[in-house]
Amino acid sequence: MIRYALMGTALATLTGCIAVDVDDAHFDTNVSHFGGQAVNGMELPFSKAVRAGNTIYLAGELGIDPATGALVPGGTGPQTTQIFANLERTLNTFDADLSNLVKCTVYLGDMADYADMNAAYAAAVPDPKPARATVGVSGLAVGANLEIDCIAVAS
């Protein structure tokens, strides 16, 4: 009987420790979407970026020159440089820039191009660099050499 009384007292004490007053909690439910995607004149069914609170989710970006609508020539290095110019432009719509990046994922069509991608990435992305993963894939839209998606945090 004493054991059950002690367990009840302990449970009541622990329950009091984890109670949260929801009225005092702050949940930022502000979500905004930026632009649809178009590749070679074809509209794609997703947003270019979504901001949820202070987090900005950037859709996979290709090395497409917005002036021509075509992949930039020269292969993986120039495509990487163009991707980060495109990402910067998108981040600017949220009053952010490449320094706000916290995570990027690189989808590389040929792992033999890793050094070219890495050199252009290092030149484009400011220090401190965000976390990154690089994944080899068997094919990308419009014959791109790579695609990069990122997450940023802005104030």
N, C-alpha and C. Protein backbone atom coordinates (compact mmCIF):
# COMPACT_ATOMS: atom_id res chain seq x y z
N MET A 1 0.82 -1.18 0.00
CA MET A 1 0.00 0.00 0.00
C MET A 1 0.88 1.26 0.00
N ILE A 2 1.94 1.23 0.82
CA ILE A 2 2.84 2.38 0.88
C ILE A 2 3.53 2.56 -0.48
N ARG A 3 3.86 1.42 -1.12
CA ARG A 3 4.50 1.50 -2.43
C ARG A 3 3.61 2.25 -3.43
N TYR A 4 2.31 1.94 -3.46
CA TYR A 4 1.39 2.61 -4.38
C TYR A 4 1.24 4.09 -4.05
N ALA A 5 1.26 4.42 -2.79
CA ALA A 5 1.17 5.83 -2.38
C ALA A 5 2.40 6.59 -2.85
N LEU A 6 3.59 5.97 -2.70
CA LEU A 6 4.82 6.62 -3.15
C LEU A 6 4.83 6.78 -4.68
N MET A 7 4.36 5.75 -5.39
CA MET A 7 4.31 5.83 -6.85
C MET A 7 3.34 6.93 -7.29
N GLY A 8 2.22 7.04 -6.61
CA GLY A 8 1.25 8.08 -6.94
C GLY A 8 1.82 9.47 -6.70
N THR A 9 2.54 9.64 -5.59
CA THR A 9 3.16 10.93 -5.28
C THR A 9 4.23 11.27 -6.33
N ALA A 10 5.03 10.29 -6.70
CA ALA A 10 6.08 10.51 -7.70
C ALA A 10 5.46 10.88 -9.05
N LEU A 11 4.40 10.19 -9.45
CA LEU A 11 3.73 10.47 -10.71
C LEU A 11 3.14 11.87 -10.71
N ALA A 12 2.52 12.27 -9.62
CA ALA A 12 1.95 13.62 -9.52
C ALA A 12 3.05 14.67 -9.60
N THR A 13 4.17 14.41 -8.98
CA THR A 13 5.30 15.36 -9.01
C THR A 13 5.84 15.48 -10.43
N LEU A 14 6.05 14.35 -11.11
CA LEU A 14 6.57 14.38 -12.47
C LEU A 14 5.59 15.04 -13.43
N THR A 15 4.31 14.79 -13.27
CA THR A 15 3.32 15.40 -14.13
C THR A 15 3.37 16.91 -14.01
N GLY A 16 3.55 17.41 -12.82
CA GLY A 16 3.66 18.85 -12.62
C GLY A 16 4.89 19.42 -13.29
N CYS A 17 5.94 18.65 -13.41
CA CYS A 17 7.18 19.12 -14.03
C CYS A 17 7.07 19.27 -15.54
N ILE A 18 6.21 18.49 -16.16
CA ILE A 18 6.13 18.53 -17.62
C ILE A 18 4.90 19.27 -18.13
N ALA A 19 4.13 19.87 -17.25
CA ALA A 19 2.97 20.63 -17.69
C ALA A 19 3.44 21.87 -18.45
N VAL A 20 2.76 22.17 -19.54
CA VAL A 20 3.10 23.33 -20.36
C VAL A 20 1.86 24.18 -20.50
N ASP A 21 2.01 25.46 -20.26
CA ASP A 21 0.92 26.40 -20.46
C ASP A 21 0.93 26.81 -21.92
N VAL A 22 0.00 26.26 -22.70
CA VAL A 22 -0.03 26.49 -24.14
C VAL A 22 -0.23 27.96 -24.47
N ASP A 23 -0.92 28.70 -23.59
CA ASP A 23 -1.13 30.13 -23.85
C ASP A 23 0.19 30.90 -23.87
N ASP A 24 1.21 30.41 -23.16
CA ASP A 24 2.50 31.08 -23.12
C ASP A 24 3.44 30.62 -24.24
N ALA A 25 3.11 29.53 -24.92
CA ALA A 25 3.97 29.00 -25.98
C ALA A 25 3.78 29.83 -27.24
N HIS A 26 4.84 29.94 -28.05
CA HIS A 26 4.77 30.69 -29.30
C HIS A 26 5.02 29.73 -30.46
N PHE A 27 4.04 29.63 -31.32
CA PHE A 27 4.17 28.79 -32.51
C PHE A 27 4.04 29.70 -33.72
N ASP A 28 5.06 29.77 -34.55
CA ASP A 28 5.02 30.59 -35.75
C ASP A 28 4.45 29.75 -36.88
N THR A 29 3.22 30.04 -37.24
CA THR A 29 2.55 29.27 -38.29
C THR A 29 2.50 30.04 -39.61
N ASN A 30 3.27 31.11 -39.71
CA ASN A 30 3.30 31.91 -40.92
C ASN A 30 4.04 31.14 -42.03
N VAL A 31 3.34 30.83 -43.10
CA VAL A 31 3.93 30.11 -44.23
C VAL A 31 3.71 30.93 -45.49
N SER A 32 4.78 31.13 -46.27
CA SER A 32 4.63 31.83 -47.54
C SER A 32 5.36 31.06 -48.64
N HIS A 33 4.79 31.10 -49.82
CA HIS A 33 5.32 30.38 -50.98
C HIS A 33 5.84 31.39 -51.99
N PHE A 34 6.91 31.02 -52.67
CA PHE A 34 7.47 31.89 -53.70
C PHE A 34 7.47 31.16 -55.03
N GLY A 35 6.77 31.73 -55.99
CA GLY A 35 6.82 31.33 -57.38
C GLY A 35 6.68 29.87 -57.72
N GLY A 36 6.12 29.64 -58.87
CA GLY A 36 6.12 28.31 -59.45
C GLY A 36 7.43 28.10 -60.18
N GLN A 37 7.65 26.93 -60.62
CA GLN A 37 8.86 26.59 -61.37
C GLN A 37 8.51 26.47 -62.84
N ALA A 38 9.39 26.90 -63.68
CA ALA A 38 9.26 26.68 -65.12
C ALA A 38 10.62 26.27 -65.66
N VAL A 39 10.66 25.19 -66.40
CA VAL A 39 11.89 24.73 -67.04
C VAL A 39 11.58 24.56 -68.51
N ASN A 40 12.34 25.27 -69.35
CA ASN A 40 12.13 25.23 -70.81
C ASN A 40 10.66 25.49 -71.16
N GLY A 41 10.06 26.47 -70.47
CA GLY A 41 8.68 26.85 -70.75
C GLY A 41 7.63 25.93 -70.16
N MET A 42 8.04 24.87 -69.48
CA MET A 42 7.10 23.92 -68.90
C MET A 42 6.91 24.25 -67.42
N GLU A 43 5.66 24.54 -67.03
CA GLU A 43 5.36 24.82 -65.63
C GLU A 43 5.42 23.52 -64.83
N LEU A 44 6.05 23.58 -63.67
CA LEU A 44 6.17 22.41 -62.81
C LEU A 44 5.31 22.61 -61.57
N PRO A 45 4.77 21.53 -61.02
CA PRO A 45 3.78 21.64 -59.95
C PRO A 45 4.37 21.77 -58.54
N PHE A 46 5.27 22.71 -58.33
CA PHE A 46 5.80 22.94 -56.99
C PHE A 46 6.32 24.36 -56.88
N SER A 47 6.47 24.82 -55.65
CA SER A 47 6.99 26.17 -55.40
C SER A 47 8.50 26.18 -55.53
N LYS A 48 9.04 27.34 -55.89
CA LYS A 48 10.49 27.51 -55.96
C LYS A 48 11.06 27.53 -54.55
N ALA A 49 10.29 28.08 -53.60
CA ALA A 49 10.72 28.13 -52.20
C ALA A 49 9.49 28.29 -51.31
N VAL A 50 9.61 27.79 -50.09
CA VAL A 50 8.57 27.95 -49.08
C VAL A 50 9.23 28.40 -47.80
N ARG A 51 8.69 29.48 -47.23
CA ARG A 51 9.17 29.94 -45.93
C ARG A 51 8.13 29.56 -44.89
N ALA A 52 8.56 28.82 -43.88
CA ALA A 52 7.71 28.44 -42.75
C ALA A 52 8.39 28.97 -41.49
N GLY A 53 7.82 30.02 -40.91
CA GLY A 53 8.49 30.67 -39.79
C GLY A 53 9.78 31.28 -40.29
N ASN A 54 10.89 30.94 -39.67
CA ASN A 54 12.20 31.46 -40.08
C ASN A 54 12.96 30.51 -41.00
N THR A 55 12.35 29.38 -41.34
CA THR A 55 13.01 28.38 -42.17
C THR A 55 12.57 28.53 -43.62
N ILE A 56 13.54 28.57 -44.52
CA ILE A 56 13.25 28.68 -45.96
C ILE A 56 13.70 27.38 -46.62
N TYR A 57 12.75 26.70 -47.26
CA TYR A 57 13.03 25.45 -47.97
C TYR A 57 13.12 25.79 -49.46
N LEU A 58 14.29 25.58 -50.05
CA LEU A 58 14.52 25.90 -51.46
C LEU A 58 14.43 24.64 -52.30
N ALA A 59 13.57 24.67 -53.30
CA ALA A 59 13.40 23.51 -54.19
C ALA A 59 14.70 23.25 -54.95
N GLY A 60 14.83 22.06 -55.46
CA GLY A 60 16.00 21.72 -56.26
C GLY A 60 16.19 22.70 -57.40
N GLU A 61 17.40 23.19 -57.53
CA GLU A 61 17.72 24.21 -58.53
C GLU A 61 18.68 23.62 -59.55
N LEU A 62 18.46 23.96 -60.81
CA LEU A 62 19.34 23.55 -61.90
C LEU A 62 20.16 24.75 -62.35
N GLY A 63 21.20 24.51 -63.10
CA GLY A 63 22.06 25.58 -63.60
C GLY A 63 21.50 26.25 -64.84
N ILE A 64 20.27 26.72 -64.73
CA ILE A 64 19.59 27.35 -65.86
C ILE A 64 19.75 28.87 -65.78
N ASP A 65 20.16 29.45 -66.89
CA ASP A 65 20.28 30.90 -67.00
C ASP A 65 18.87 31.46 -67.16
N PRO A 66 18.40 32.31 -66.22
CA PRO A 66 17.04 32.83 -66.34
C PRO A 66 16.82 33.68 -67.60
N ALA A 67 17.88 34.26 -68.14
CA ALA A 67 17.75 35.09 -69.35
C ALA A 67 17.45 34.25 -70.59
N THR A 68 17.98 33.03 -70.63
CA THR A 68 17.81 32.19 -71.82
C THR A 68 16.87 31.01 -71.59
N GLY A 69 16.68 30.62 -70.33
CA GLY A 69 15.87 29.45 -70.03
C GLY A 69 16.58 28.14 -70.34
N ALA A 70 17.88 28.21 -70.61
CA ALA A 70 18.66 27.01 -70.95
C ALA A 70 19.78 26.80 -69.94
N LEU A 71 20.25 25.56 -69.87
CA LEU A 71 21.41 25.27 -69.03
C LEU A 71 22.60 26.10 -69.50
N VAL A 72 23.38 26.61 -68.55
CA VAL A 72 24.58 27.34 -68.93
C VAL A 72 25.57 26.35 -69.54
N PRO A 73 26.34 26.79 -70.53
CA PRO A 73 27.33 25.89 -71.14
C PRO A 73 28.55 25.72 -70.24
N GLY A 74 29.32 24.68 -70.50
CA GLY A 74 30.59 24.50 -69.81
C GLY A 74 30.62 23.40 -68.79
N GLY A 75 29.48 22.77 -68.52
CA GLY A 75 29.49 21.61 -67.63
C GLY A 75 29.21 21.91 -66.17
N THR A 76 29.72 21.03 -65.32
CA THR A 76 29.37 21.01 -63.91
C THR A 76 29.79 22.27 -63.15
N GLY A 77 31.01 22.75 -63.36
CA GLY A 77 31.46 23.94 -62.64
C GLY A 77 30.57 25.15 -62.90
N PRO A 78 30.38 25.54 -64.18
CA PRO A 78 29.51 26.67 -64.47
C PRO A 78 28.05 26.45 -64.04
N GLN A 79 27.56 25.22 -64.15
CA GLN A 79 26.19 24.95 -63.69
C GLN A 79 26.08 25.17 -62.18
N THR A 80 27.10 24.75 -61.43
CA THR A 80 27.10 24.95 -59.97
C THR A 80 27.08 26.44 -59.65
N THR A 81 27.91 27.20 -60.33
CA THR A 81 27.96 28.65 -60.12
C THR A 81 26.60 29.28 -60.41
N GLN A 82 25.96 28.87 -61.50
CA GLN A 82 24.64 29.41 -61.87
C GLN A 82 23.58 29.02 -60.84
N ILE A 83 23.66 27.79 -60.35
CA ILE A 83 22.70 27.34 -59.34
C ILE A 83 22.74 28.27 -58.14
N PHE A 84 23.93 28.61 -57.66
CA PHE A 84 24.00 29.47 -56.48
C PHE A 84 23.60 30.91 -56.78
N ALA A 85 23.79 31.37 -58.01
CA ALA A 85 23.26 32.68 -58.39
C ALA A 85 21.73 32.65 -58.35
N ASN A 86 21.14 31.55 -58.84
CA ASN A 86 19.69 31.39 -58.82
C ASN A 86 19.16 31.30 -57.39
N LEU A 87 19.84 30.50 -56.55
CA LEU A 87 19.42 30.37 -55.15
C LEU A 87 19.51 31.71 -54.43
N GLU A 88 20.57 32.46 -54.69
CA GLU A 88 20.73 33.78 -54.06
C GLU A 88 19.56 34.70 -54.43
N ARG A 89 19.18 34.69 -55.70
CA ARG A 89 18.07 35.51 -56.16
C ARG A 89 16.78 35.13 -55.43
N THR A 90 16.54 33.84 -55.28
CA THR A 90 15.35 33.38 -54.57
C THR A 90 15.42 33.78 -53.10
N LEU A 91 16.56 33.57 -52.45
CA LEU A 91 16.71 33.95 -51.05
C LEU A 91 16.48 35.44 -50.84
N ASN A 92 16.90 36.26 -51.79
CA ASN A 92 16.72 37.71 -51.68
C ASN A 92 15.26 38.10 -51.55
N THR A 93 14.35 37.31 -52.12
CA THR A 93 12.92 37.62 -52.00
C THR A 93 12.44 37.47 -50.56
N PHE A 94 13.19 36.77 -49.74
CA PHE A 94 12.87 36.59 -48.32
C PHE A 94 13.82 37.40 -47.43
N ASP A 95 14.48 38.41 -48.02
CA ASP A 95 15.48 39.22 -47.29
C ASP A 95 16.56 38.34 -46.67
N ALA A 96 17.01 37.36 -47.42
CA ALA A 96 18.08 36.45 -46.99
C ALA A 96 19.08 36.33 -48.14
N ASP A 97 20.19 35.65 -47.87
CA ASP A 97 21.20 35.40 -48.90
C ASP A 97 21.90 34.08 -48.61
N LEU A 98 22.96 33.79 -49.35
CA LEU A 98 23.64 32.50 -49.21
C LEU A 98 24.24 32.30 -47.82
N SER A 99 24.49 33.37 -47.09
CA SER A 99 25.03 33.21 -45.73
C SER A 99 24.00 32.62 -44.77
N ASN A 100 22.73 32.58 -45.18
CA ASN A 100 21.67 32.01 -44.35
C ASN A 100 21.50 30.50 -44.56
N LEU A 101 22.24 29.91 -45.50
CA LEU A 101 22.12 28.47 -45.76
C LEU A 101 22.60 27.67 -44.56
N VAL A 102 21.84 26.62 -44.22
CA VAL A 102 22.25 25.72 -43.13
C VAL A 102 22.43 24.28 -43.62
N LYS A 103 21.84 23.93 -44.77
CA LYS A 103 21.94 22.55 -45.27
C LYS A 103 21.71 22.55 -46.77
N CYS A 104 22.55 21.86 -47.51
CA CYS A 104 22.37 21.69 -48.95
C CYS A 104 22.55 20.21 -49.30
N THR A 105 21.80 19.78 -50.29
CA THR A 105 21.98 18.44 -50.84
C THR A 105 22.28 18.60 -52.32
N VAL A 106 23.38 18.00 -52.75
CA VAL A 106 23.81 18.05 -54.15
C VAL A 106 23.50 16.69 -54.78
N TYR A 107 22.78 16.72 -55.89
CA TYR A 107 22.49 15.51 -56.66
C TYR A 107 23.36 15.60 -57.91
N LEU A 108 24.35 14.73 -58.00
CA LEU A 108 25.37 14.82 -59.04
C LEU A 108 25.18 13.68 -60.04
N GLY A 109 25.04 14.04 -61.31
CA GLY A 109 24.79 13.05 -62.36
C GLY A 109 25.98 12.15 -62.64
N ASP A 110 27.18 12.60 -62.34
CA ASP A 110 28.39 11.80 -62.56
C ASP A 110 29.38 12.13 -61.46
N MET A 111 29.68 11.17 -60.61
CA MET A 111 30.58 11.43 -59.48
C MET A 111 31.99 11.80 -59.94
N ALA A 112 32.31 11.55 -61.20
CA ALA A 112 33.60 11.99 -61.74
C ALA A 112 33.68 13.52 -61.79
N ASP A 113 32.52 14.19 -61.72
CA ASP A 113 32.47 15.66 -61.74
C ASP A 113 32.53 16.26 -60.34
N TYR A 114 32.77 15.43 -59.32
CA TYR A 114 32.75 15.90 -57.93
C TYR A 114 33.73 17.06 -57.70
N ALA A 115 34.95 16.95 -58.20
CA ALA A 115 35.95 18.00 -57.96
C ALA A 115 35.52 19.33 -58.59
N ASP A 116 34.97 19.29 -59.81
CA ASP A 116 34.50 20.52 -60.45
C ASP A 116 33.36 21.16 -59.66
N MET A 117 32.41 20.32 -59.21
CA MET A 117 31.31 20.83 -58.41
C MET A 117 31.83 21.42 -57.11
N ASN A 118 32.73 20.69 -56.45
CA ASN A 118 33.23 21.11 -55.14
C ASN A 118 33.98 22.44 -55.22
N ALA A 119 34.77 22.63 -56.27
CA ALA A 119 35.52 23.89 -56.43
C ALA A 119 34.56 25.06 -56.64
N ALA A 120 33.56 24.88 -57.50
CA ALA A 120 32.60 25.96 -57.74
C ALA A 120 31.74 26.21 -56.51
N TYR A 121 31.37 25.15 -55.80
CA TYR A 121 30.60 25.27 -54.56
C TYR A 121 31.39 26.07 -53.53
N ALA A 122 32.65 25.72 -53.35
CA ALA A 122 33.50 26.41 -52.36
C ALA A 122 33.63 27.89 -52.69
N ALA A 123 33.70 28.23 -53.98
CA ALA A 123 33.82 29.63 -54.39
C ALA A 123 32.51 30.40 -54.21
N ALA A 124 31.38 29.73 -54.38
CA ALA A 124 30.08 30.41 -54.36
C ALA A 124 29.50 30.57 -52.96
N VAL A 125 29.75 29.61 -52.09
CA VAL A 125 29.09 29.59 -50.78
C VAL A 125 30.01 30.21 -49.74
N PRO A 126 29.51 31.23 -49.02
CA PRO A 126 30.37 31.89 -48.03
C PRO A 126 30.61 31.02 -46.80
N ASP A 127 31.70 31.33 -46.10
CA ASP A 127 31.99 30.67 -44.82
C ASP A 127 31.16 31.32 -43.72
N PRO A 128 30.78 30.58 -42.70
CA PRO A 128 30.95 29.14 -42.56
C PRO A 128 30.00 28.39 -43.49
N LYS A 129 30.51 27.34 -44.09
CA LYS A 129 29.72 26.56 -45.04
C LYS A 129 28.59 25.82 -44.33
N PRO A 130 27.46 25.65 -45.03
CA PRO A 130 26.37 24.85 -44.46
C PRO A 130 26.72 23.36 -44.47
N ALA A 131 25.97 22.58 -43.72
CA ALA A 131 26.09 21.12 -43.81
C ALA A 131 25.73 20.73 -45.25
N ARG A 132 26.31 19.62 -45.71
CA ARG A 132 26.06 19.22 -47.10
C ARG A 132 26.16 17.72 -47.25
N ALA A 133 25.33 17.20 -48.14
CA ALA A 133 25.45 15.81 -48.60
C ALA A 133 25.52 15.86 -50.12
N THR A 134 26.29 14.94 -50.70
CA THR A 134 26.37 14.82 -52.15
C THR A 134 25.98 13.39 -52.51
N VAL A 135 25.04 13.27 -53.43
CA VAL A 135 24.50 11.97 -53.80
C VAL A 135 24.65 11.79 -55.30
N GLY A 136 25.17 10.65 -55.72
CA GLY A 136 25.25 10.33 -57.14
C GLY A 136 23.91 9.83 -57.63
N VAL A 137 23.46 10.34 -58.77
CA VAL A 137 22.17 9.95 -59.33
C VAL A 137 22.35 9.54 -60.80
N SER A 138 21.36 8.83 -61.32
CA SER A 138 21.51 8.32 -62.69
C SER A 138 20.95 9.25 -63.76
N GLY A 139 20.27 10.30 -63.38
CA GLY A 139 19.75 11.22 -64.38
C GLY A 139 19.05 12.39 -63.73
N LEU A 140 19.06 13.54 -64.42
CA LEU A 140 18.42 14.75 -63.92
C LEU A 140 17.62 15.41 -65.03
N ALA A 141 16.68 16.26 -64.65
CA ALA A 141 15.82 16.94 -65.62
C ALA A 141 16.65 17.75 -66.61
N VAL A 142 16.16 17.86 -67.80
CA VAL A 142 16.71 18.62 -68.93
C VAL A 142 18.20 18.37 -69.18
N GLY A 143 18.70 17.20 -68.80
CA GLY A 143 20.09 16.85 -69.04
C GLY A 143 21.09 17.59 -68.17
N ALA A 144 20.63 18.13 -67.05
CA ALA A 144 21.52 18.86 -66.14
C ALA A 144 22.57 17.93 -65.56
N ASN A 145 23.74 18.48 -65.25
CA ASN A 145 24.81 17.70 -64.62
C ASN A 145 24.58 17.53 -63.13
N LEU A 146 23.86 18.50 -62.52
CA LEU A 146 23.60 18.42 -61.09
C LEU A 146 22.38 19.24 -60.75
N GLU A 147 21.86 18.99 -59.55
CA GLU A 147 20.75 19.73 -58.97
C GLU A 147 21.07 19.91 -57.50
N ILE A 148 20.73 21.07 -56.95
CA ILE A 148 21.02 21.34 -55.54
C ILE A 148 19.77 21.89 -54.88
N ASP A 149 19.39 21.30 -53.74
CA ASP A 149 18.34 21.91 -52.92
C ASP A 149 18.95 22.29 -51.58
N CYS A 150 18.36 23.29 -50.94
CA CYS A 150 18.94 23.82 -49.70
C CYS A 150 17.86 24.21 -48.71
N ILE A 151 18.28 24.37 -47.48
CA ILE A 151 17.46 24.91 -46.40
C ILE A 151 18.23 26.09 -45.83
N ALA A 152 17.51 27.18 -45.58
CA ALA A 152 18.11 28.37 -44.99
C ALA A 152 17.30 28.79 -43.78
N VAL A 153 17.93 29.50 -42.87
CA VAL A 153 17.23 30.07 -41.72
C VAL A 153 17.49 31.56 -41.73
N ALA A 154 16.41 32.33 -41.73
CA ALA A 154 16.51 33.79 -41.76
C ALA A 154 15.84 34.38 -40.53
N SER A 155 16.22 35.60 -40.20
CA SER A 155 15.60 36.24 -39.03
C SER A 155 14.36 36.99 -39.44
